[in-house]
Amino acid sequence: MTTSTVEDYLKCIYQAEQRSSGLISTGQIASALQVAPGTATAMMKTLADSGLITYEPYNGVRLTGAGSKLAAHVLRRHRVVELFLVEVMGMSWSEVHGDAEILEHAVSDRLLDRMDDMLGKPSVDPHGDPIPSPRGVLREKEYPTLLTCPLRASLRVARVTDQSAEFLKLLERHGVMPGNAIEVESREEAADTVTVKPSGGKAFTLGCRAAGAVQVEPNSGKQA
């Protein structure tokens, strides 16, 4: 039986591995989980002794097959719970992360399967993040962002990677949410801004850092 702390560490490493092909440093893990570097190092040794990671002192860690499978299951629980809280409980996508962080450690497999069935076996969560399959397979997709997509093209929001509550509330006010149509009207490099226009809404401006957190895909013409 793993603890919630072990699951948090494994999920953190797993998500970092999706963005990097190399070893994940203990400093990176400590920063992500907001713990002291010494605390993270001690946990890495514990996880290595349990066969959940391989640990190379001064270099970093990677998940073993067993660790990756467990981490994917924790992430699946988190993302299914987030979607359930939004779609069934009526909560805002900007407020579900904290509750999902708690519930991901408590939801049984049987309850998770029922939630998954009620939601129609979804492939993504409210933010567009992919949900690992029951077998632990995570299918990541590469999307352009509002910084790299074509100008004045018909697009739709696919994923939002900055999930801070205030940023999500800002996007929601403008209708910039996964599945909704959008186009980039202009980019001003000197001003470090991007002007976007949601379908049926008014154009507004985002800073380049914020725009880089909104991923898009060609609009098929179907609204979510």
Protein backbone atom coordinates (compact mmCIF):
# COMPACT_ATOMS: atom_id res chain seq x y z
CA MET A 1 0.00 0.00 0.00
CA THR A 2 1.58 3.27 -1.08
CA THR A 3 1.11 6.51 0.83
CA SER A 4 -0.26 9.73 -0.62
CA THR A 5 3.23 11.24 -0.33
CA VAL A 6 4.77 8.45 -2.40
CA GLU A 7 2.03 8.88 -5.00
CA ASP A 8 2.66 12.63 -5.15
CA TYR A 9 6.37 12.08 -5.81
CA LEU A 10 5.74 9.44 -8.47
CA LYS A 11 3.18 11.60 -10.24
CA CYS A 12 5.58 14.56 -10.17
CA ILE A 13 8.39 12.50 -11.73
CA TYR A 14 6.01 10.99 -14.28
CA GLN A 15 4.80 14.40 -15.47
CA ALA A 16 8.36 15.71 -15.63
CA GLU A 17 9.34 12.71 -17.75
CA GLN A 18 6.62 13.60 -20.27
CA ARG A 19 8.50 16.85 -20.90
CA SER A 20 12.05 15.51 -20.83
CA SER A 21 13.89 12.48 -22.16
CA GLY A 22 16.65 12.68 -19.56
CA LEU A 23 16.94 12.07 -15.85
CA ILE A 24 14.81 14.22 -13.55
CA SER A 25 16.87 16.09 -10.96
CA THR A 26 15.98 16.01 -7.28
CA GLY A 27 16.13 19.81 -7.29
CA GLN A 28 13.45 19.90 -9.97
CA ILE A 29 11.29 17.53 -7.93
CA ALA A 30 11.81 19.50 -4.74
CA SER A 31 10.84 22.73 -6.47
CA ALA A 32 7.70 21.23 -8.02
CA LEU A 33 6.52 19.77 -4.71
CA GLN A 34 7.72 22.73 -2.64
CA VAL A 35 9.84 20.66 -0.27
CA ALA A 36 13.43 21.01 0.89
CA PRO A 37 16.06 19.43 -1.41
CA GLY A 38 17.17 17.16 1.44
CA THR A 39 13.61 15.92 1.90
CA ALA A 40 13.33 15.10 -1.79
CA THR A 41 16.69 13.30 -1.77
CA ALA A 42 15.65 11.15 1.18
CA MET A 43 12.42 10.20 -0.60
CA MET A 44 14.34 9.31 -3.77
CA LYS A 45 16.37 6.79 -1.79
CA THR A 46 13.18 5.32 -0.33
CA LEU A 47 11.55 5.04 -3.77
CA ALA A 48 14.69 3.45 -5.18
CA ASP A 49 14.75 0.88 -2.37
CA SER A 50 11.10 0.09 -3.19
CA GLY A 51 11.92 -0.53 -6.86
CA LEU A 52 9.80 2.37 -8.08
CA ILE A 53 12.64 4.51 -9.46
CA THR A 54 16.28 4.21 -10.45
CA TYR A 55 18.35 6.83 -8.64
CA GLU A 56 21.74 8.14 -9.74
CA PRO A 57 23.15 10.41 -7.02
CA TYR A 58 24.06 13.90 -8.33
CA ASN A 59 22.44 13.07 -11.69
CA GLY A 60 18.76 12.37 -11.13
CA VAL A 61 16.07 9.74 -11.28
CA ARG A 62 13.77 7.90 -13.67
CA LEU A 63 10.74 5.76 -13.01
CA THR A 64 10.94 1.99 -13.30
CA GLY A 65 8.17 0.10 -15.08
CA ALA A 66 6.37 -0.45 -11.77
CA GLY A 67 6.78 3.20 -10.78
CA SER A 68 5.54 4.45 -14.13
CA LYS A 69 2.46 2.22 -13.99
CA LEU A 70 1.54 3.43 -10.50
CA ALA A 71 2.19 7.08 -11.37
CA ALA A 72 0.00 6.85 -14.48
CA HIS A 73 -2.81 5.42 -12.40
CA VAL A 74 -2.55 8.29 -9.89
CA LEU A 75 -2.61 10.80 -12.74
CA ARG A 76 -5.61 9.02 -14.26
CA ARG A 77 -7.48 9.30 -10.97
CA HIS A 78 -6.65 13.00 -10.72
CA ARG A 79 -7.82 13.88 -14.21
CA VAL A 80 -10.98 11.78 -14.16
CA VAL A 81 -11.89 13.32 -10.78
CA GLU A 82 -11.32 16.84 -12.16
CA LEU A 83 -13.63 16.16 -15.10
CA PHE A 84 -16.25 14.58 -12.84
CA LEU A 85 -16.22 17.62 -10.54
CA VAL A 86 -16.74 19.93 -13.53
CA GLU A 87 -19.20 17.91 -15.60
CA VAL A 88 -21.27 16.28 -12.86
CA MET A 89 -20.79 18.43 -9.78
CA GLY A 90 -20.90 21.73 -11.68
CA MET A 91 -17.65 23.13 -10.32
CA SER A 92 -15.50 25.57 -12.27
CA TRP A 93 -12.41 24.24 -14.05
CA SER A 94 -10.44 26.85 -12.11
CA GLU A 95 -11.26 25.39 -8.69
CA VAL A 96 -11.08 21.62 -9.06
CA HIS A 97 -7.31 21.03 -8.86
CA GLY A 98 -7.05 21.21 -5.07
CA ASP A 99 -9.96 18.86 -4.50
CA ALA A 100 -8.63 16.43 -7.09
CA GLU A 101 -5.24 16.47 -5.35
CA ILE A 102 -6.98 15.12 -2.24
CA LEU A 103 -9.43 12.75 -3.90
CA GLU A 104 -6.85 11.14 -6.20
CA HIS A 105 -5.49 9.31 -3.14
CA ALA A 106 -8.89 8.21 -1.85
CA VAL A 107 -10.95 7.13 -4.87
CA SER A 108 -11.22 3.37 -5.22
CA ASP A 109 -10.72 1.67 -8.57
CA ARG A 110 -14.37 0.62 -8.58
CA LEU A 111 -15.58 4.18 -8.02
CA LEU A 112 -13.14 5.51 -10.60
CA ASP A 113 -14.50 3.07 -13.18
CA ARG A 114 -18.08 4.20 -12.44
CA MET A 115 -17.09 7.84 -12.81
CA ASP A 116 -15.29 7.04 -16.06
CA ASP A 117 -18.41 5.28 -17.40
CA MET A 118 -20.67 8.19 -16.40
CA LEU A 119 -18.42 10.59 -18.27
CA GLY A 120 -18.38 8.44 -21.40
CA LYS A 121 -14.78 7.23 -21.03
CA PRO A 122 -13.21 10.62 -21.81
CA SER A 123 -9.74 11.02 -23.27
CA VAL A 124 -8.99 14.47 -21.78
CA ASP A 125 -9.74 16.39 -18.58
CA PRO A 126 -11.34 19.89 -18.35
CA HIS A 127 -8.05 21.57 -19.25
CA GLY A 128 -7.39 19.36 -22.27
CA ASP A 129 -4.77 17.24 -20.50
CA PRO A 130 -4.81 13.63 -21.73
CA ILE A 131 -6.15 11.01 -19.33
CA PRO A 132 -4.05 7.83 -19.05
CA SER A 133 -5.91 4.69 -20.07
CA PRO A 134 -6.86 2.05 -17.47
CA ARG A 135 -3.69 0.22 -18.54
CA GLY A 136 -1.55 3.26 -17.86
CA VAL A 137 -0.99 4.40 -21.45
CA LEU A 138 -0.72 8.18 -21.82
CA ARG A 139 -1.11 9.53 -25.34
CA GLU A 140 0.43 12.98 -25.45
CA LYS A 141 -0.18 15.11 -28.54
CA GLU A 142 1.93 17.92 -29.92
CA TYR A 143 -0.05 21.13 -30.46
CA PRO A 144 1.01 24.60 -31.56
CA THR A 145 0.37 27.41 -29.11
CA LEU A 146 -1.05 30.89 -29.63
CA LEU A 147 2.58 31.93 -30.16
CA THR A 148 3.30 29.48 -32.97
CA CYS A 149 -0.04 28.85 -34.71
CA PRO A 150 -0.96 30.54 -38.02
CA LEU A 151 -2.42 34.06 -37.87
CA ARG A 152 -6.11 34.60 -38.72
CA ALA A 153 -6.73 30.86 -39.07
CA SER A 154 -9.80 29.07 -37.75
CA LEU A 155 -8.62 27.23 -34.65
CA ARG A 156 -9.98 25.75 -31.49
CA VAL A 157 -8.48 25.50 -28.04
CA ALA A 158 -7.04 22.04 -27.38
CA ARG A 159 -5.25 22.38 -24.05
CA VAL A 160 -4.30 24.91 -21.37
CA THR A 161 -1.04 24.09 -19.59
CA ASP A 162 -0.99 26.95 -17.05
CA GLN A 163 -3.67 25.88 -14.60
CA SER A 164 -3.36 28.58 -11.96
CA ALA A 165 -6.83 29.59 -10.81
CA GLU A 166 -6.54 33.26 -11.80
CA PHE A 167 -5.33 32.45 -15.31
CA LEU A 168 -8.14 29.95 -15.86
CA LYS A 169 -10.70 32.47 -14.62
CA LEU A 170 -9.32 35.03 -17.09
CA LEU A 171 -9.59 32.60 -19.99
CA GLU A 172 -13.08 31.55 -18.94
CA ARG A 173 -14.28 35.18 -18.93
CA HIS A 174 -13.19 35.43 -22.55
CA GLY A 175 -14.49 32.01 -23.58
CA VAL A 176 -11.03 30.58 -24.19
CA MET A 177 -11.62 26.98 -23.10
CA PRO A 178 -10.92 23.57 -24.68
CA GLY A 179 -13.22 22.94 -27.63
CA ASN A 180 -14.04 26.61 -28.21
CA ALA A 181 -13.16 28.33 -31.49
CA ILE A 182 -10.52 31.06 -31.55
CA GLU A 183 -8.18 32.86 -33.92
CA VAL A 184 -5.00 34.87 -33.45
CA GLU A 185 -5.41 38.31 -35.00
CA SER A 186 -1.89 39.62 -34.48
CA ARG A 187 1.36 39.33 -32.57
CA GLU A 188 3.35 42.34 -31.43
CA GLU A 189 6.90 41.21 -30.76
CA ALA A 190 8.04 44.59 -29.46
CA ALA A 191 5.17 44.75 -26.99
CA ASP A 192 5.41 41.05 -26.13
CA THR A 193 1.67 40.58 -26.76
CA VAL A 194 -0.72 38.41 -28.75
CA THR A 195 -4.22 39.57 -29.75
CA VAL A 196 -6.76 36.75 -29.90
CA LYS A 197 -10.44 36.69 -30.80
CA PRO A 198 -12.71 33.97 -29.43
CA SER A 199 -15.66 32.95 -31.60
CA GLY A 200 -18.59 35.23 -30.80
CA GLY A 201 -16.51 37.33 -28.40
CA LYS A 202 -14.37 40.43 -28.40
CA ALA A 203 -10.68 40.45 -29.20
CA PHE A 204 -8.37 40.77 -26.22
CA THR A 205 -4.64 40.74 -25.56
CA LEU A 206 -2.47 38.20 -23.78
CA GLY A 207 1.19 38.45 -22.87
CA CYS A 208 3.44 36.05 -24.75
CA ARG A 209 4.07 33.90 -21.69
CA ALA A 210 0.33 33.44 -21.16
CA ALA A 211 -0.26 32.85 -24.87
CA GLY A 212 2.34 30.09 -24.81
CA ALA A 213 0.20 28.20 -22.29
CA VAL A 214 -2.78 27.93 -24.66
CA GLN A 215 -2.46 25.12 -27.19
CA VAL A 216 -4.66 24.98 -30.28
CA GLU A 217 -5.59 22.75 -33.22
CA PRO A 218 -7.36 23.33 -36.54
CA ASN A 219 -11.07 23.96 -36.04
CA SER A 220 -13.16 21.11 -37.43
CA GLY A 221 -16.27 23.26 -37.21
CA LYS A 222 -17.72 21.38 -34.22
CA GLN A 223 -18.02 23.25 -30.97
CA ALA A 224 -17.49 21.42 -27.71
